[in-house]
């Protein structure tokens, strides 16, 4: 549980567990899942309950994207792969694991999709309204949308825990668009409400993250 000071910081904009880090002992890469059936249908699926009730895993194109990215990534077989438990992310991670010859995939709820609240099940075009609200309202959420600060706290908290567990390893975090945009903000130590101003990850893109200025 966060301390009272951390809870206050979370309300203001989110606890960044990387804010005091001088360096990282491991090499962190992130991967956005391949194209999903939800992407194909143009619908928002952001709760694990809805994901499990439907068929929202990878499309055929998404599987090809994930395999192509895995073959080109250059990560070693010893890579530790952590993934969101949403089907589109888990399927992506398993394809990468098989391609690299890595050990079992570690499922981490901290990498879940950002919850889009009242926009759940609506057309994907409504992401634009959420992102506009992020920028205008410092990412505090609204309409049941998970605040950017909450996503920042859970994702950077996972990185901090992985830093405690491993040394000198390559780690690949397989997750979702908004979740990874906000995690990038955490690495760069910038306000997560402006996450859409950062370079976007394409579906199945793998990108190395490094700490930014303090």
C-alpha atoms as a PDB file:
ATOM      1  CA  UNK A   1       0.000   0.000   0.000  1.00  0.00           C
ATOM      2  CA  UNK A   2       1.279   3.520  -0.759  1.00  0.00           C
ATOM      3  CA  UNK A   3       2.199   5.808   2.131  1.00  0.00           C
ATOM      4  CA  UNK A   4      -0.008   8.866   2.864  1.00  0.00           C
ATOM      5  CA  UNK A   5       2.605  10.999   1.091  1.00  0.00           C
ATOM      6  CA  UNK A   6       2.462   8.749  -1.976  1.00  0.00           C
ATOM      7  CA  UNK A   7      -1.332   8.837  -1.978  1.00  0.00           C
ATOM      8  CA  UNK A   8      -1.249  12.638  -1.994  1.00  0.00           C
ATOM      9  CA  UNK A   9       1.250  12.621  -4.855  1.00  0.00           C
ATOM     10  CA  UNK A  10      -0.936  10.186  -6.779  1.00  0.00           C
ATOM     11  CA  UNK A  11      -3.907  12.563  -6.551  1.00  0.00           C
ATOM     12  CA  UNK A  12      -1.722  15.395  -7.816  1.00  0.00           C
ATOM     13  CA  UNK A  13      -0.396  13.525 -10.814  1.00  0.00           C
ATOM     14  CA  UNK A  14       0.885  10.078  -9.922  1.00  0.00           C
ATOM     15  CA  UNK A  15       3.738   8.452  -8.029  1.00  0.00           C
ATOM     16  CA  UNK A  16       6.666   7.858 -10.361  1.00  0.00           C
ATOM     17  CA  UNK A  17       8.770   5.137  -8.765  1.00  0.00           C
ATOM     18  CA  UNK A  18      11.604   5.994 -11.134  1.00  0.00           C
ATOM     19  CA  UNK A  19      11.807   9.669 -10.193  1.00  0.00           C
ATOM     20  CA  UNK A  20      14.782   9.200  -7.868  1.00  0.00           C
ATOM     21  CA  UNK A  21      16.634   6.561  -9.909  1.00  0.00           C
ATOM     22  CA  UNK A  22      20.144   7.509 -11.069  1.00  0.00           C
ATOM     23  CA  UNK A  23      20.561   4.399 -13.227  1.00  0.00           C
ATOM     24  CA  UNK A  24      18.876   1.045 -13.833  1.00  0.00           C
ATOM     25  CA  UNK A  25      20.562  -2.300 -13.279  1.00  0.00           C
ATOM     26  CA  UNK A  26      18.636  -3.934 -16.121  1.00  0.00           C
ATOM     27  CA  UNK A  27      17.841  -3.113 -19.749  1.00  0.00           C
ATOM     28  CA  UNK A  28      14.128  -2.469 -20.266  1.00  0.00           C
ATOM     29  CA  UNK A  29      12.368  -2.756 -23.608  1.00  0.00           C
ATOM     30  CA  UNK A  30       8.644  -2.419 -24.179  1.00  0.00           C
ATOM     31  CA  UNK A  31       6.414  -3.917 -26.831  1.00  0.00           C
ATOM     32  CA  UNK A  32       2.926  -2.942 -27.818  1.00  0.00           C
ATOM     33  CA  UNK A  33       0.774  -5.954 -28.673  1.00  0.00           C
ATOM     34  CA  UNK A  34       0.180  -6.811 -32.320  1.00  0.00           C
ATOM     35  CA  UNK A  35      -2.981  -5.779 -34.099  1.00  0.00           C
ATOM     36  CA  UNK A  36      -5.946  -7.247 -32.231  1.00  0.00           C
ATOM     37  CA  UNK A  37      -9.433  -8.219 -33.271  1.00  0.00           C
ATOM     38  CA  UNK A  38     -10.648  -5.234 -31.249  1.00  0.00           C
ATOM     39  CA  UNK A  39      -8.355  -3.019 -33.349  1.00  0.00           C
ATOM     40  CA  UNK A  40      -9.817  -4.574 -36.490  1.00  0.00           C
ATOM     41  CA  UNK A  41     -13.352  -3.964 -35.260  1.00  0.00           C
ATOM     42  CA  UNK A  42     -12.519  -0.415 -34.117  1.00  0.00           C
ATOM     43  CA  UNK A  43     -13.881  -0.961 -30.597  1.00  0.00           C
ATOM     44  CA  UNK A  44     -12.498  -0.101 -27.162  1.00  0.00           C
ATOM     45  CA  UNK A  45     -11.886  -3.165 -24.942  1.00  0.00           C
ATOM     46  CA  UNK A  46     -10.182  -2.013 -21.753  1.00  0.00           C
ATOM     47  CA  UNK A  47     -11.464  -4.224 -18.918  1.00  0.00           C
ATOM     48  CA  UNK A  48     -10.214  -7.727 -18.267  1.00  0.00           C
ATOM     49  CA  UNK A  49     -13.806  -8.927 -17.762  1.00  0.00           C
ATOM     50  CA  UNK A  50     -14.825  -7.871 -21.274  1.00  0.00           C
ATOM     51  CA  UNK A  51     -11.615  -9.257 -22.705  1.00  0.00           C
ATOM     52  CA  UNK A  52     -12.332 -12.656 -21.175  1.00  0.00           C
ATOM     53  CA  UNK A  53     -15.958 -12.634 -22.320  1.00  0.00           C
ATOM     54  CA  UNK A  54     -15.091 -12.028 -25.969  1.00  0.00           C
ATOM     55  CA  UNK A  55     -12.624 -12.979 -28.666  1.00  0.00           C
ATOM     56  CA  UNK A  56     -10.253 -10.022 -28.658  1.00  0.00           C
ATOM     57  CA  UNK A  57      -6.923 -11.715 -29.202  1.00  0.00           C
ATOM     58  CA  UNK A  58      -4.586 -11.105 -32.111  1.00  0.00           C
ATOM     59  CA  UNK A  59      -5.792 -10.854 -35.667  1.00  0.00           C
ATOM     60  CA  UNK A  60      -3.941 -12.798 -38.352  1.00  0.00           C
ATOM     61  CA  UNK A  61      -2.092  -9.606 -39.261  1.00  0.00           C
ATOM     62  CA  UNK A  62      -1.276  -9.048 -35.586  1.00  0.00           C
ATOM     63  CA  UNK A  63       0.351 -12.469 -35.303  1.00  0.00           C
ATOM     64  CA  UNK A  64       2.507 -11.724 -38.326  1.00  0.00           C
ATOM     65  CA  UNK A  65       3.458  -8.340 -36.863  1.00  0.00           C
ATOM     66  CA  UNK A  66       4.492  -9.920 -33.562  1.00  0.00           C
ATOM     67  CA  UNK A  67       6.576 -12.624 -35.235  1.00  0.00           C
ATOM     68  CA  UNK A  68       8.313 -10.133 -37.510  1.00  0.00           C
ATOM     69  CA  UNK A  69       9.147  -7.882 -34.561  1.00  0.00           C
ATOM     70  CA  UNK A  70      10.459 -10.812 -32.515  1.00  0.00           C
ATOM     71  CA  UNK A  71      12.725 -11.995 -35.334  1.00  0.00           C
ATOM     72  CA  UNK A  72      14.211  -8.531 -35.777  1.00  0.00           C
ATOM     73  CA  UNK A  73      14.513  -7.412 -32.134  1.00  0.00           C
ATOM     74  CA  UNK A  74      17.946  -8.857 -31.303  1.00  0.00           C
ATOM     75  CA  UNK A  75      16.972  -9.729 -27.740  1.00  0.00           C
ATOM     76  CA  UNK A  76      18.713 -12.796 -26.257  1.00  0.00           C
ATOM     77  CA  UNK A  77      17.015 -16.053 -25.177  1.00  0.00           C
ATOM     78  CA  UNK A  78      17.674 -15.079 -21.546  1.00  0.00           C
ATOM     79  CA  UNK A  79      15.264 -12.145 -21.844  1.00  0.00           C
ATOM     80  CA  UNK A  80      12.668 -11.956 -19.085  1.00  0.00           C
ATOM     81  CA  UNK A  81       9.281 -11.391 -20.735  1.00  0.00           C
ATOM     82  CA  UNK A  82       6.479  -9.821 -18.676  1.00  0.00           C
ATOM     83  CA  UNK A  83       3.029  -9.259 -20.106  1.00  0.00           C
ATOM     84  CA  UNK A  84      -0.422  -7.864 -19.475  1.00  0.00           C
ATOM     85  CA  UNK A  85      -3.015 -10.591 -18.934  1.00  0.00           C
ATOM     86  CA  UNK A  86      -5.233  -9.289 -21.768  1.00  0.00           C
ATOM     87  CA  UNK A  87      -5.407 -11.892 -24.526  1.00  0.00           C
ATOM     88  CA  UNK A  88      -3.899  -9.657 -27.211  1.00  0.00           C
ATOM     89  CA  UNK A  89      -0.836  -8.982 -25.072  1.00  0.00           C
ATOM     90  CA  UNK A  90      -0.417 -12.549 -23.796  1.00  0.00           C
ATOM     91  CA  UNK A  91      -0.610 -13.971 -27.304  1.00  0.00           C
ATOM     92  CA  UNK A  92       1.969 -11.449 -28.488  1.00  0.00           C
ATOM     93  CA  UNK A  93       4.280 -12.321 -25.593  1.00  0.00           C
ATOM     94  CA  UNK A  94       3.986 -16.049 -26.249  1.00  0.00           C
ATOM     95  CA  UNK A  95       4.902 -15.589 -29.900  1.00  0.00           C
ATOM     96  CA  UNK A  96       7.982 -13.599 -28.871  1.00  0.00           C
ATOM     97  CA  UNK A  97       8.906 -16.169 -26.233  1.00  0.00           C
ATOM     98  CA  UNK A  98       8.751 -19.019 -28.736  1.00  0.00           C
ATOM     99  CA  UNK A  99      10.754 -17.072 -31.309  1.00  0.00           C
ATOM    100  CA  UNK A 100      13.512 -16.146 -28.837  1.00  0.00           C
ATOM    101  CA  UNK A 101      13.508 -19.498 -27.071  1.00  0.00           C
ATOM    102  CA  UNK A 102      12.979 -17.643 -23.789  1.00  0.00           C
ATOM    103  CA  UNK A 103      11.601 -19.084 -20.552  1.00  0.00           C
ATOM    104  CA  UNK A 104       7.961 -18.878 -19.517  1.00  0.00           C
ATOM    105  CA  UNK A 105       6.194 -15.545 -19.779  1.00  0.00           C
ATOM    106  CA  UNK A 106       5.498 -13.703 -16.502  1.00  0.00           C
ATOM    107  CA  UNK A 107       1.964 -12.273 -16.298  1.00  0.00           C
ATOM    108  CA  UNK A 108       1.795  -8.878 -14.564  1.00  0.00           C
ATOM    109  CA  UNK A 109      -1.527  -7.135 -13.909  1.00  0.00           C
ATOM    110  CA  UNK A 110       0.406  -3.866 -13.613  1.00  0.00           C
ATOM    111  CA  UNK A 111       0.787  -3.971 -17.413  1.00  0.00           C
ATOM    112  CA  UNK A 112      -2.958  -4.127 -18.089  1.00  0.00           C
ATOM    113  CA  UNK A 113      -4.689  -1.827 -20.522  1.00  0.00           C
ATOM    114  CA  UNK A 114      -5.679   1.563 -19.161  1.00  0.00           C
ATOM    115  CA  UNK A 115      -9.369   1.399 -18.212  1.00  0.00           C
ATOM    116  CA  UNK A 116     -11.429   3.702 -20.414  1.00  0.00           C
ATOM    117  CA  UNK A 117     -14.513   3.671 -18.195  1.00  0.00           C
ATOM    118  CA  UNK A 118     -17.719   4.832 -19.871  1.00  0.00           C
ATOM    119  CA  UNK A 119     -16.036   4.597 -23.274  1.00  0.00           C
ATOM    120  CA  UNK A 120     -15.764   0.804 -22.948  1.00  0.00           C
ATOM    121  CA  UNK A 121     -17.302  -0.941 -25.959  1.00  0.00           C
ATOM    122  CA  UNK A 122     -17.629   2.289 -27.956  1.00  0.00           C
ATOM    123  CA  UNK A 123     -15.846   3.172 -31.241  1.00  0.00           C
ATOM    124  CA  UNK A 124     -12.079   3.577 -31.009  1.00  0.00           C
ATOM    125  CA  UNK A 125     -12.440   7.137 -32.312  1.00  0.00           C
ATOM    126  CA  UNK A 126     -13.409   8.074 -28.742  1.00  0.00           C
ATOM    127  CA  UNK A 127      -9.803   7.642 -27.634  1.00  0.00           C
ATOM    128  CA  UNK A 128      -9.330  11.156 -28.980  1.00  0.00           C
ATOM    129  CA  UNK A 129     -11.747  12.543 -26.407  1.00  0.00           C
ATOM    130  CA  UNK A 130      -9.878  10.826 -23.580  1.00  0.00           C
ATOM    131  CA  UNK A 131      -6.530  12.150 -24.790  1.00  0.00           C
ATOM    132  CA  UNK A 132      -7.886  15.672 -25.095  1.00  0.00           C
ATOM    133  CA  UNK A 133      -9.175  15.411 -21.534  1.00  0.00           C
ATOM    134  CA  UNK A 134      -5.789  14.111 -20.376  1.00  0.00           C
ATOM    135  CA  UNK A 135      -4.030  17.159 -21.744  1.00  0.00           C
ATOM    136  CA  UNK A 136      -6.668  19.624 -20.556  1.00  0.00           C
ATOM    137  CA  UNK A 137      -7.253  18.161 -17.107  1.00  0.00           C
ATOM    138  CA  UNK A 138      -3.796  16.970 -16.132  1.00  0.00           C
ATOM    139  CA  UNK A 139      -4.815  13.345 -16.694  1.00  0.00           C
ATOM    140  CA  UNK A 140      -7.223  13.160 -13.749  1.00  0.00           C
ATOM    141  CA  UNK A 141      -9.658  10.942 -15.624  1.00  0.00           C
ATOM    142  CA  UNK A 142     -13.412  11.418 -15.762  1.00  0.00           C
ATOM    143  CA  UNK A 143     -16.235   9.241 -17.070  1.00  0.00           C
ATOM    144  CA  UNK A 144     -14.625   6.413 -15.139  1.00  0.00           C
ATOM    145  CA  UNK A 145     -11.387   6.642 -17.120  1.00  0.00           C
ATOM    146  CA  UNK A 146      -8.304   5.507 -15.196  1.00  0.00           C
ATOM    147  CA  UNK A 147      -6.192   8.601 -14.413  1.00  0.00           C
ATOM    148  CA  UNK A 148      -2.786   8.820 -16.047  1.00  0.00           C
ATOM    149  CA  UNK A 149      -1.261   9.076 -12.567  1.00  0.00           C
ATOM    150  CA  UNK A 150      -2.702   5.705 -11.574  1.00  0.00           C
ATOM    151  CA  UNK A 151      -1.225   4.078 -14.691  1.00  0.00           C
ATOM    152  CA  UNK A 152       2.113   5.768 -13.976  1.00  0.00           C
ATOM    153  CA  UNK A 153       2.132   4.460 -10.422  1.00  0.00           C
ATOM    154  CA  UNK A 154       1.380   0.854 -11.299  1.00  0.00           C
ATOM    155  CA  UNK A 155       3.749   0.597 -14.263  1.00  0.00           C
ATOM    156  CA  UNK A 156       6.765   2.310 -12.719  1.00  0.00           C
ATOM    157  CA  UNK A 157       6.087   0.339  -9.535  1.00  0.00           C
ATOM    158  CA  UNK A 158       6.482  -2.855 -11.568  1.00  0.00           C
ATOM    159  CA  UNK A 159       9.772  -1.630 -13.019  1.00  0.00           C
ATOM    160  CA  UNK A 160      11.009  -0.855  -9.496  1.00  0.00           C
ATOM    161  CA  UNK A 161      10.079  -4.367  -8.333  1.00  0.00           C
ATOM    162  CA  UNK A 162      11.821  -5.932 -11.316  1.00  0.00           C
ATOM    163  CA  UNK A 163      14.915  -3.879 -10.489  1.00  0.00           C
ATOM    164  CA  UNK A 164      14.910  -5.445  -7.037  1.00  0.00           C
ATOM    165  CA  UNK A 165      14.593  -8.962  -8.435  1.00  0.00           C
ATOM    166  CA  UNK A 166      17.030  -8.928 -11.385  1.00  0.00           C
ATOM    167  CA  UNK A 167      20.490  -7.587 -12.198  1.00  0.00           C
ATOM    168  CA  UNK A 168      22.038  -7.133 -15.622  1.00  0.00           C
ATOM    169  CA  UNK A 169      19.126  -8.695 -17.493  1.00  0.00           C
ATOM    170  CA  UNK A 170      17.142  -7.813 -20.584  1.00  0.00           C
ATOM    171  CA  UNK A 171      13.463  -7.388 -19.749  1.00  0.00           C
ATOM    172  CA  UNK A 172      10.648  -7.040 -22.272  1.00  0.00           C
ATOM    173  CA  UNK A 173       7.341  -5.576 -21.078  1.00  0.00           C
ATOM    174  CA  UNK A 174       4.433  -6.427 -23.387  1.00  0.00           C
ATOM    175  CA  UNK A 175       1.474  -4.124 -22.932  1.00  0.00           C
ATOM    176  CA  UNK A 176      -0.916  -1.612 -24.533  1.00  0.00           C
ATOM    177  CA  UNK A 177      -0.765   1.757 -26.261  1.00  0.00           C
ATOM    178  CA  UNK A 178      -1.768   4.166 -23.479  1.00  0.00           C
ATOM    179  CA  UNK A 179      -0.127   2.090 -20.769  1.00  0.00           C
ATOM    180  CA  UNK A 180       3.208   2.194 -22.570  1.00  0.00           C
ATOM    181  CA  UNK A 181       2.889   5.872 -23.526  1.00  0.00           C
ATOM    182  CA  UNK A 182       2.477   6.674 -19.829  1.00  0.00           C
ATOM    183  CA  UNK A 183       5.327   4.359 -18.831  1.00  0.00           C
ATOM    184  CA  UNK A 184       7.532   6.223 -21.316  1.00  0.00           C
ATOM    185  CA  UNK A 185       6.622   9.425 -19.488  1.00  0.00           C
ATOM    186  CA  UNK A 186       7.753   7.739 -16.282  1.00  0.00           C
ATOM    187  CA  UNK A 187      11.143   6.843 -17.736  1.00  0.00           C
ATOM    188  CA  UNK A 188      11.559  10.377 -19.061  1.00  0.00           C
ATOM    189  CA  UNK A 189      10.256  11.795 -15.750  1.00  0.00           C
ATOM    190  CA  UNK A 190       7.738  14.096 -17.395  1.00  0.00           C
ATOM    191  CA  UNK A 191       4.081  14.785 -16.606  1.00  0.00           C
ATOM    192  CA  UNK A 192       2.077  11.714 -17.704  1.00  0.00           C
ATOM    193  CA  UNK A 193      -0.876  13.885 -18.746  1.00  0.00           C
ATOM    194  CA  UNK A 194       1.174  14.839 -21.807  1.00  0.00           C
ATOM    195  CA  UNK A 195       1.866  11.257 -22.833  1.00  0.00           C
ATOM    196  CA  UNK A 196       0.441  11.741 -26.332  1.00  0.00           C
ATOM    197  CA  UNK A 197       3.221  14.201 -27.124  1.00  0.00           C
ATOM    198  CA  UNK A 198       5.759  11.392 -26.810  1.00  0.00           C
ATOM    199  CA  UNK A 199       6.681   9.151 -29.765  1.00  0.00           C
ATOM    200  CA  UNK A 200       3.868   6.656 -30.283  1.00  0.00           C
ATOM    201  CA  UNK A 201       4.404   2.915 -30.381  1.00  0.00           C
ATOM    202  CA  UNK A 202       3.003   1.157 -33.434  1.00  0.00           C
ATOM    203  CA  UNK A 203       1.340  -2.228 -33.002  1.00  0.00           C
ATOM    204  CA  UNK A 204       3.997  -4.884 -32.280  1.00  0.00           C
ATOM    205  CA  UNK A 205       6.749  -2.261 -32.054  1.00  0.00           C
ATOM    206  CA  UNK A 206       9.586  -3.045 -29.651  1.00  0.00           C
ATOM    207  CA  UNK A 207      11.417  -0.068 -28.158  1.00  0.00           C
ATOM    208  CA  UNK A 208      14.205   0.254 -25.589  1.00  0.00           C
ATOM    209  CA  UNK A 209      13.413   2.693 -22.775  1.00  0.00           C
ATOM    210  CA  UNK A 210      16.102   4.681 -20.988  1.00  0.00           C
ATOM    211  CA  UNK A 211      15.924   7.063 -18.075  1.00  0.00           C
ATOM    212  CA  UNK A 212      15.615  10.720 -19.005  1.00  0.00           C
ATOM    213  CA  UNK A 213      16.749  13.836 -17.201  1.00  0.00           C
ATOM    214  CA  UNK A 214      15.875  14.390 -13.561  1.00  0.00           C
END
